[in-house]
Amino acid sequence: MSLPVLQGEIVDLYIPRKCSWTNKLITAKDHGAVQLNIGHLDESGVYNGSFSTFALCGQLRSKGEADSALDHLWTKKRAEIGQQA
């Protein structure tokens, strides 16, 4: 279902998310899924206002693999943005 906006654009009411680790679609019935925003820091360790968003599906969390997946995802993203450990 779509709604027309005053500028003539079409806006969807529901935009599904994908798991950042498995690339599986996170459905509306997946109540175990989470979305995390991880803040970026500058050289002195102060939050600079930007963040990275990761979504993890409930299946990954129920198997106990979410912490490992998030660690791998953040390590890769941190290298992309050039943030130190």
PDB file of N, CA and C in Angstrom:
ATOM      1  N   MET A   1       0.838  -1.171   0.000  1.00  0.00           N
ATOM      2  CA  MET A   1       0.000   0.000   0.000  1.00  0.00           C
ATOM      3  C   MET A   1       0.887   1.238   0.000  1.00  0.00           C
ATOM      4  N   SER A   2       0.595   2.174  -0.814  1.00  0.00           N
ATOM      5  CA  SER A   2       1.385   3.390  -0.908  1.00  0.00           C
ATOM      6  C   SER A   2       0.508   4.612  -0.703  1.00  0.00           C
ATOM      7  N   LEU A   3       1.111   5.651  -0.185  1.00  0.00           N
ATOM      8  CA  LEU A   3       0.414   6.915   0.032  1.00  0.00           C
ATOM      9  C   LEU A   3       1.045   8.001  -0.833  1.00  0.00           C
ATOM     10  N   PRO A   4       0.235   8.776  -1.552  1.00  0.00           N
ATOM     11  CA  PRO A   4       0.812   9.897  -2.289  1.00  0.00           C
ATOM     12  C   PRO A   4       1.125  11.050  -1.337  1.00  0.00           C
ATOM     13  N   VAL A   5       2.215  11.711  -1.575  1.00  0.00           N
ATOM     14  CA  VAL A   5       2.643  12.845  -0.765  1.00  0.00           C
ATOM     15  C   VAL A   5       2.403  14.109  -1.575  1.00  0.00           C
ATOM     16  N   LEU A   6       2.362  15.253  -0.920  1.00  0.00           N
ATOM     17  CA  LEU A   6       2.063  16.509  -1.599  1.00  0.00           C
ATOM     18  C   LEU A   6       3.020  16.813  -2.754  1.00  0.00           C
ATOM     19  N   GLN A   7       4.277  16.401  -2.657  1.00  0.00           N
ATOM     20  CA  GLN A   7       5.235  16.669  -3.712  1.00  0.00           C
ATOM     21  C   GLN A   7       5.099  15.689  -4.875  1.00  0.00           C
ATOM     22  N   GLY A   8       4.183  14.740  -4.795  1.00  0.00           N
ATOM     23  CA  GLY A   8       3.971  13.777  -5.858  1.00  0.00           C
ATOM     24  C   GLY A   8       4.780  12.500  -5.707  1.00  0.00           C
ATOM     25  N   GLU A   9       5.545  12.368  -4.613  1.00  0.00           N
ATOM     26  CA  GLU A   9       6.321  11.163  -4.382  1.00  0.00           C
ATOM     27  C   GLU A   9       5.416  10.090  -3.778  1.00  0.00           C
ATOM     28  N   ILE A  10       5.779   8.846  -3.996  1.00  0.00           N
ATOM     29  CA  ILE A  10       5.063   7.726  -3.380  1.00  0.00           C
ATOM     30  C   ILE A  10       5.873   7.259  -2.176  1.00  0.00           C
ATOM     31  N   VAL A  11       5.222   7.143  -1.033  1.00  0.00           N
ATOM     32  CA  VAL A  11       5.880   6.721   0.194  1.00  0.00           C
ATOM     33  C   VAL A  11       5.221   5.428   0.660  1.00  0.00           C
ATOM     34  N   ASP A  12       6.046   4.399   0.874  1.00  0.00           N
ATOM     35  CA  ASP A  12       5.519   3.128   1.362  1.00  0.00           C
ATOM     36  C   ASP A  12       5.273   3.209   2.861  1.00  0.00           C
ATOM     37  N   LEU A  13       4.230   2.526   3.317  1.00  0.00           N
ATOM     38  CA  LEU A  13       3.922   2.508   4.734  1.00  0.00           C
ATOM     39  C   LEU A  13       4.863   1.593   5.499  1.00  0.00           C
ATOM     40  N   TYR A  14       5.340   0.522   4.862  1.00  0.00           N
ATOM     41  CA  TYR A  14       6.204  -0.441   5.533  1.00  0.00           C
ATOM     42  C   TYR A  14       7.398  -0.725   4.637  1.00  0.00           C
ATOM     43  N   ILE A  15       8.571  -0.472   5.147  1.00  0.00           N
ATOM     44  CA  ILE A  15       9.799  -0.781   4.425  1.00  0.00           C
ATOM     45  C   ILE A  15      10.512  -1.885   5.201  1.00  0.00           C
ATOM     46  N   PRO A  16      10.584  -3.087   4.656  1.00  0.00           N
ATOM     47  CA  PRO A  16      11.211  -4.190   5.388  1.00  0.00           C
ATOM     48  C   PRO A  16      12.719  -3.989   5.526  1.00  0.00           C
ATOM     49  N   ARG A  17      13.267  -4.509   6.608  1.00  0.00           N
ATOM     50  CA  ARG A  17      14.709  -4.446   6.854  1.00  0.00           C
ATOM     51  C   ARG A  17      15.336  -5.791   6.498  1.00  0.00           C
ATOM     52  N   LYS A  18      16.641  -5.780   6.300  1.00  0.00           N
ATOM     53  CA  LYS A  18      17.389  -7.008   6.075  1.00  0.00           C
ATOM     54  C   LYS A  18      18.403  -7.163   7.195  1.00  0.00           C
ATOM     55  N   CYS A  19      18.637  -8.409   7.593  1.00  0.00           N
ATOM     56  CA  CYS A  19      19.642  -8.696   8.607  1.00  0.00           C
ATOM     57  C   CYS A  19      21.011  -8.312   8.042  1.00  0.00           C
ATOM     58  N   SER A  20      21.781  -7.577   8.793  1.00  0.00           N
ATOM     59  CA  SER A  20      23.088  -7.124   8.338  1.00  0.00           C
ATOM     60  C   SER A  20      24.079  -8.270   8.186  1.00  0.00           C
ATOM     61  N   TRP A  21      23.872  -9.375   8.886  1.00  0.00           N
ATOM     62  CA  TRP A  21      24.797 -10.499   8.847  1.00  0.00           C
ATOM     63  C   TRP A  21      24.381 -11.548   7.822  1.00  0.00           C
ATOM     64  N   THR A  22      23.109 -11.944   7.811  1.00  0.00           N
ATOM     65  CA  THR A  22      22.655 -13.026   6.930  1.00  0.00           C
ATOM     66  C   THR A  22      22.015 -12.519   5.643  1.00  0.00           C
ATOM     67  N   ASN A  23      21.716 -11.236   5.560  1.00  0.00           N
ATOM     68  CA  ASN A  23      21.013 -10.623   4.425  1.00  0.00           C
ATOM     69  C   ASN A  23      19.616 -11.202   4.212  1.00  0.00           C
ATOM     70  N   LYS A  24      19.063 -11.834   5.226  1.00  0.00           N
ATOM     71  CA  LYS A  24      17.688 -12.330   5.155  1.00  0.00           C
ATOM     72  C   LYS A  24      16.734 -11.195   5.498  1.00  0.00           C
ATOM     73  N   LEU A  25      15.558 -11.245   4.895  1.00  0.00           N
ATOM     74  CA  LEU A  25      14.530 -10.248   5.157  1.00  0.00           C
ATOM     75  C   LEU A  25      14.013 -10.399   6.581  1.00  0.00           C
ATOM     76  N   ILE A  26      13.908  -9.301   7.306  1.00  0.00           N
ATOM     77  CA  ILE A  26      13.342  -9.309   8.652  1.00  0.00           C
ATOM     78  C   ILE A  26      11.869  -8.963   8.509  1.00  0.00           C
ATOM     79  N   THR A  27      11.025  -9.930   8.756  1.00  0.00           N
ATOM     80  CA  THR A  27       9.583  -9.740   8.575  1.00  0.00           C
ATOM     81  C   THR A  27       8.987  -9.003   9.772  1.00  0.00           C
ATOM     82  N   ALA A  28       7.761  -8.568   9.610  1.00  0.00           N
ATOM     83  CA  ALA A  28       7.065  -7.864  10.685  1.00  0.00           C
ATOM     84  C   ALA A  28       6.785  -8.791  11.865  1.00  0.00           C
ATOM     85  N   LYS A  29       6.749 -10.100  11.644  1.00  0.00           N
ATOM     86  CA  LYS A  29       6.465 -11.072  12.709  1.00  0.00           C
ATOM     87  C   LYS A  29       7.716 -11.496  13.469  1.00  0.00           C
ATOM     88  N   ASP A  30       8.889 -11.037  13.062  1.00  0.00           N
ATOM     89  CA  ASP A  30      10.131 -11.388  13.745  1.00  0.00           C
ATOM     90  C   ASP A  30      10.306 -10.463  14.951  1.00  0.00           C
ATOM     91  N   HIS A  31       9.739 -10.873  16.084  1.00  0.00           N
ATOM     92  CA  HIS A  31       9.752 -10.030  17.274  1.00  0.00           C
ATOM     93  C   HIS A  31      11.069 -10.102  18.037  1.00  0.00           C
ATOM     94  N   GLY A  32      11.976 -10.996  17.617  1.00  0.00           N
ATOM     95  CA  GLY A  32      13.283 -11.090  18.263  1.00  0.00           C
ATOM     96  C   GLY A  32      14.341 -10.244  17.579  1.00  0.00           C
ATOM     97  N   ALA A  33      13.981  -9.605  16.476  1.00  0.00           N
ATOM     98  CA  ALA A  33      14.946  -8.803  15.722  1.00  0.00           C
ATOM     99  C   ALA A  33      15.223  -7.486  16.433  1.00  0.00           C
ATOM    100  N   VAL A  34      16.460  -6.998  16.282  1.00  0.00           N
ATOM    101  CA  VAL A  34      16.849  -5.720  16.866  1.00  0.00           C
ATOM    102  C   VAL A  34      17.584  -4.890  15.823  1.00  0.00           C
ATOM    103  N   GLN A  35      17.542  -3.586  16.006  1.00  0.00           N
ATOM    104  CA  GLN A  35      18.302  -2.666  15.178  1.00  0.00           C
ATOM    105  C   GLN A  35      19.132  -1.802  16.117  1.00  0.00           C
ATOM    106  N   LEU A  36      20.445  -1.758  15.882  1.00  0.00           N
ATOM    107  CA  LEU A  36      21.360  -1.044  16.763  1.00  0.00           C
ATOM    108  C   LEU A  36      22.041   0.092  16.011  1.00  0.00           C
ATOM    109  N   ASN A  37      22.164   1.228  16.652  1.00  0.00           N
ATOM    110  CA  ASN A  37      22.943   2.345  16.132  1.00  0.00           C
ATOM    111  C   ASN A  37      24.207   2.445  16.972  1.00  0.00           C
ATOM    112  N   ILE A  38      25.368   2.351  16.322  1.00  0.00           N
ATOM    113  CA  ILE A  38      26.646   2.433  17.018  1.00  0.00           C
ATOM    114  C   ILE A  38      27.293   3.757  16.642  1.00  0.00           C
ATOM    115  N   GLY A  39      27.559   4.572  17.638  1.00  0.00           N
ATOM    116  CA  GLY A  39      28.101   5.909  17.419  1.00  0.00           C
ATOM    117  C   GLY A  39      29.557   5.896  17.006  1.00  0.00           C
ATOM    118  N   HIS A  40      29.934   6.854  16.165  1.00  0.00           N
ATOM    119  CA  HIS A  40      31.319   7.017  15.736  1.00  0.00           C
ATOM    120  C   HIS A  40      32.007   8.023  16.656  1.00  0.00           C
ATOM    121  N   LEU A  41      33.280   7.784  16.926  1.00  0.00           N
ATOM    122  CA  LEU A  41      34.062   8.637  17.809  1.00  0.00           C
ATOM    123  C   LEU A  41      35.171   9.325  17.036  1.00  0.00           C
ATOM    124  N   ASP A  42      35.570  10.503  17.505  1.00  0.00           N
ATOM    125  CA  ASP A  42      36.717  11.170  16.884  1.00  0.00           C
ATOM    126  C   ASP A  42      38.005  10.657  17.536  1.00  0.00           C
ATOM    127  N   GLU A  43      39.135  11.274  17.209  1.00  0.00           N
ATOM    128  CA  GLU A  43      40.432  10.812  17.700  1.00  0.00           C
ATOM    129  C   GLU A  43      40.559  10.870  19.219  1.00  0.00           C
ATOM    130  N   SER A  44      39.846  11.802  19.843  1.00  0.00           N
ATOM    131  CA  SER A  44      39.926  11.933  21.299  1.00  0.00           C
ATOM    132  C   SER A  44      38.877  11.089  22.026  1.00  0.00           C
ATOM    133  N   GLY A  45      38.098  10.295  21.296  1.00  0.00           N
ATOM    134  CA  GLY A  45      37.116   9.421  21.917  1.00  0.00           C
ATOM    135  C   GLY A  45      35.785  10.069  22.216  1.00  0.00           C
ATOM    136  N   VAL A  46      35.484  11.183  21.557  1.00  0.00           N
ATOM    137  CA  VAL A  46      34.229  11.899  21.769  1.00  0.00           C
ATOM    138  C   VAL A  46      33.302  11.613  20.594  1.00  0.00           C
ATOM    139  N   TYR A  47      32.028  11.391  20.897  1.00  0.00           N
ATOM    140  CA  TYR A  47      31.017  11.124  19.875  1.00  0.00           C
ATOM    141  C   TYR A  47      30.928  12.295  18.910  1.00  0.00           C
ATOM    142  N   ASN A  48      31.007  12.007  17.589  1.00  0.00           N
ATOM    143  CA  ASN A  48      31.026  13.091  16.604  1.00  0.00           C
ATOM    144  C   ASN A  48      29.687  13.316  15.894  1.00  0.00           C
ATOM    145  N   GLY A  49      28.635  12.648  16.332  1.00  0.00           N
ATOM    146  CA  GLY A  49      27.308  12.890  15.774  1.00  0.00           C
ATOM    147  C   GLY A  49      26.881  11.940  14.681  1.00  0.00           C
ATOM    148  N   SER A  50      27.776  11.107  14.194  1.00  0.00           N
ATOM    149  CA  SER A  50      27.396  10.137  13.160  1.00  0.00           C
ATOM    150  C   SER A  50      27.350   8.733  13.768  1.00  0.00           C
ATOM    151  N   PHE A  51      26.671   7.829  13.078  1.00  0.00           N
ATOM    152  CA  PHE A  51      26.526   6.469  13.590  1.00  0.00           C
ATOM    153  C   PHE A  51      26.340   5.489  12.445  1.00  0.00           C
ATOM    154  N   SER A  52      26.533   4.209  12.747  1.00  0.00           N
ATOM    155  CA  SER A  52      26.279   3.118  11.808  1.00  0.00           C
ATOM    156  C   SER A  52      25.127   2.292  12.351  1.00  0.00           C
ATOM    157  N   THR A  53      24.248   1.852  11.472  1.00  0.00           N
ATOM    158  CA  THR A  53      23.076   1.082  11.874  1.00  0.00           C
ATOM    159  C   THR A  53      23.239  -0.367  11.434  1.00  0.00           C
ATOM    160  N   PHE A  54      22.978  -1.283  12.353  1.00  0.00           N
ATOM    161  CA  PHE A  54      23.015  -2.707  12.068  1.00  0.00           C
ATOM    162  C   PHE A  54      21.697  -3.323  12.525  1.00  0.00           C
ATOM    163  N   ALA A  55      21.147  -4.225  11.708  1.00  0.00           N
ATOM    164  CA  ALA A  55      19.921  -4.949  12.058  1.00  0.00           C
ATOM    165  C   ALA A  55      20.269  -6.430  12.167  1.00  0.00           C
ATOM    166  N   LEU A  56      19.814  -7.067  13.227  1.00  0.00           N
ATOM    167  CA  LEU A  56      20.068  -8.494  13.453  1.00  0.00           C
ATOM    168  C   LEU A  56      18.735  -9.211  13.595  1.00  0.00           C
ATOM    169  N   CYS A  57      18.577 -10.307  12.853  1.00  0.00           N
ATOM    170  CA  CYS A  57      17.313 -11.052  12.873  1.00  0.00           C
ATOM    171  C   CYS A  57      17.205 -11.889  14.144  1.00  0.00           C
ATOM    172  N   GLY A  58      15.997 -12.255  14.480  1.00  0.00           N
ATOM    173  CA  GLY A  58      15.730 -13.038  15.671  1.00  0.00           C
ATOM    174  C   GLY A  58      16.340 -14.420  15.622  1.00  0.00           C
ATOM    175  N   GLN A  59      16.431 -15.013  14.443  1.00  0.00           N
ATOM    176  CA  GLN A  59      17.025 -16.344  14.301  1.00  0.00           C
ATOM    177  C   GLN A  59      18.490 -16.323  14.725  1.00  0.00           C
ATOM    178  N   LEU A  60      19.202 -15.303  14.319  1.00  0.00           N
ATOM    179  CA  LEU A  60      20.613 -15.152  14.680  1.00  0.00           C
ATOM    180  C   LEU A  60      20.761 -14.977  16.184  1.00  0.00           C
ATOM    181  N   ARG A  61      19.877 -14.194  16.773  1.00  0.00           N
ATOM    182  CA  ARG A  61      19.929 -13.956  18.213  1.00  0.00           C
ATOM    183  C   ARG A  61      19.563 -15.207  19.002  1.00  0.00           C
ATOM    184  N   SER A  62      18.603 -15.994  18.508  1.00  0.00           N
ATOM    185  CA  SER A  62      18.185 -17.190  19.245  1.00  0.00           C
ATOM    186  C   SER A  62      19.253 -18.280  19.215  1.00  0.00           C
ATOM    187  N   LYS A  63      20.095 -18.275  18.189  1.00  0.00           N
ATOM    188  CA  LYS A  63      21.186 -19.249  18.114  1.00  0.00           C
ATOM    189  C   LYS A  63      22.406 -18.802  18.914  1.00  0.00           C
ATOM    190  N   GLY A  64      22.377 -17.588  19.458  1.00  0.00           N
ATOM    191  CA  GLY A  64      23.477 -17.089  20.267  1.00  0.00           C
ATOM    192  C   GLY A  64      24.660 -16.604  19.447  1.00  0.00           C
ATOM    193  N   GLU A  65      24.429 -16.250  18.192  1.00  0.00           N
ATOM    194  CA  GLU A  65      25.515 -15.818  17.318  1.00  0.00           C
ATOM    195  C   GLU A  65      25.512 -14.314  17.050  1.00  0.00           C
ATOM    196  N   ALA A  66      24.608 -13.590  17.691  1.00  0.00           N
ATOM    197  CA  ALA A  66      24.472 -12.163  17.413  1.00  0.00           C
ATOM    198  C   ALA A  66      25.694 -11.376  17.875  1.00  0.00           C
ATOM    199  N   ASP A  67      26.272 -11.742  19.012  1.00  0.00           N
ATOM    200  CA  ASP A  67      27.427 -10.992  19.502  1.00  0.00           C
ATOM    201  C   ASP A  67      28.630 -11.155  18.593  1.00  0.00           C
ATOM    202  N   SER A  68      28.856 -12.355  18.104  1.00  0.00           N
ATOM    203  CA  SER A  68      29.964 -12.596  17.172  1.00  0.00           C
ATOM    204  C   SER A  68      29.724 -11.883  15.846  1.00  0.00           C
ATOM    205  N   ALA A  69      28.488 -11.941  15.357  1.00  0.00           N
ATOM    206  CA  ALA A  69      28.151 -11.281  14.094  1.00  0.00           C
ATOM    207  C   ALA A  69      28.330  -9.770  14.208  1.00  0.00           C
ATOM    208  N   LEU A  70      27.860  -9.178  15.307  1.00  0.00           N
ATOM    209  CA  LEU A  70      27.990  -7.736  15.497  1.00  0.00           C
ATOM    210  C   LEU A  70      29.458  -7.331  15.606  1.00  0.00           C
ATOM    211  N   ASP A  71      30.265  -8.158  16.261  1.00  0.00           N
ATOM    212  CA  ASP A  71      31.692  -7.872  16.370  1.00  0.00           C
ATOM    213  C   ASP A  71      32.349  -7.850  14.986  1.00  0.00           C
ATOM    214  N   HIS A  72      32.037  -8.830  14.146  1.00  0.00           N
ATOM    215  CA  HIS A  72      32.596  -8.875  12.790  1.00  0.00           C
ATOM    216  C   HIS A  72      32.108  -7.698  11.948  1.00  0.00           C
ATOM    217  N   LEU A  73      30.815  -7.391  12.035  1.00  0.00           N
ATOM    218  CA  LEU A  73      30.259  -6.275  11.265  1.00  0.00           C
ATOM    219  C   LEU A  73      30.894  -4.953  11.673  1.00  0.00           C
ATOM    220  N   TRP A  74      31.044  -4.728  12.981  1.00  0.00           N
ATOM    221  CA  TRP A  74      31.593  -3.467  13.448  1.00  0.00           C
ATOM    222  C   TRP A  74      33.088  -3.360  13.123  1.00  0.00           C
ATOM    223  N   THR A  75      33.831  -4.470  13.191  1.00  0.00           N
ATOM    224  CA  THR A  75      35.246  -4.453  12.834  1.00  0.00           C
ATOM    225  C   THR A  75      35.426  -4.048  11.377  1.00  0.00           C
ATOM    226  N   LYS A  76      34.591  -4.592  10.509  1.00  0.00           N
ATOM    227  CA  LYS A  76      34.651  -4.245   9.092  1.00  0.00           C
ATOM    228  C   LYS A  76      34.264  -2.783   8.863  1.00  0.00           C
ATOM    229  N   LYS A  77      33.199  -2.329   9.500  1.00  0.00           N
ATOM    230  CA  LYS A  77      32.732  -0.949   9.329  1.00  0.00           C
ATOM    231  C   LYS A  77      33.741   0.046   9.905  1.00  0.00           C
ATOM    232  N   ARG A  78      34.346  -0.305  11.046  1.00  0.00           N
ATOM    233  CA  ARG A  78      35.328   0.579  11.674  1.00  0.00           C
ATOM    234  C   ARG A  78      36.534   0.787  10.752  1.00  0.00           C
ATOM    235  N   ALA A  79      36.946  -0.262  10.035  1.00  0.00           N
ATOM    236  CA  ALA A  79      38.039  -0.124   9.090  1.00  0.00           C
ATOM    237  C   ALA A  79      37.635   0.766   7.915  1.00  0.00           C
ATOM    238  N   GLU A  80      36.371   0.683   7.488  1.00  0.00           N
ATOM    239  CA  GLU A  80      35.882   1.507   6.377  1.00  0.00           C
ATOM    240  C   GLU A  80      35.879   2.992   6.720  1.00  0.00           C
ATOM    241  N   ILE A  81      35.472   3.314   7.944  1.00  0.00           N
ATOM    242  CA  ILE A  81      35.371   4.727   8.324  1.00  0.00           C
ATOM    243  C   ILE A  81      36.663   5.249   8.924  1.00  0.00           C
ATOM    244  N   GLY A  82      37.627   4.369   9.173  1.00  0.00           N
ATOM    245  CA  GLY A  82      38.924   4.798   9.682  1.00  0.00           C
ATOM    246  C   GLY A  82      38.950   5.123  11.147  1.00  0.00           C
ATOM    247  N   GLN A  83      38.080   4.492  11.933  1.00  0.00           N
ATOM    248  CA  GLN A  83      38.048   4.731  13.371  1.00  0.00           C
ATOM    249  C   GLN A  83      38.998   3.778  14.056  1.00  0.00           C
ATOM    250  N   GLN A  84      39.753   4.285  15.015  1.00  0.00           N
ATOM    251  CA  GLN A  84      40.704   3.465  15.770  1.00  0.00           C
ATOM    252  C   GLN A  84      39.979   2.661  16.837  1.00  0.00           C
ATOM    253  N   ALA A  85      40.587   1.571  17.267  1.00  0.00           N
ATOM    254  CA  ALA A  85      39.996   0.696  18.289  1.00  0.00           C
ATOM    255  C   ALA A  85      40.044   1.299  19.657  1.00  0.00           C
TER     256      ALA A  85
END
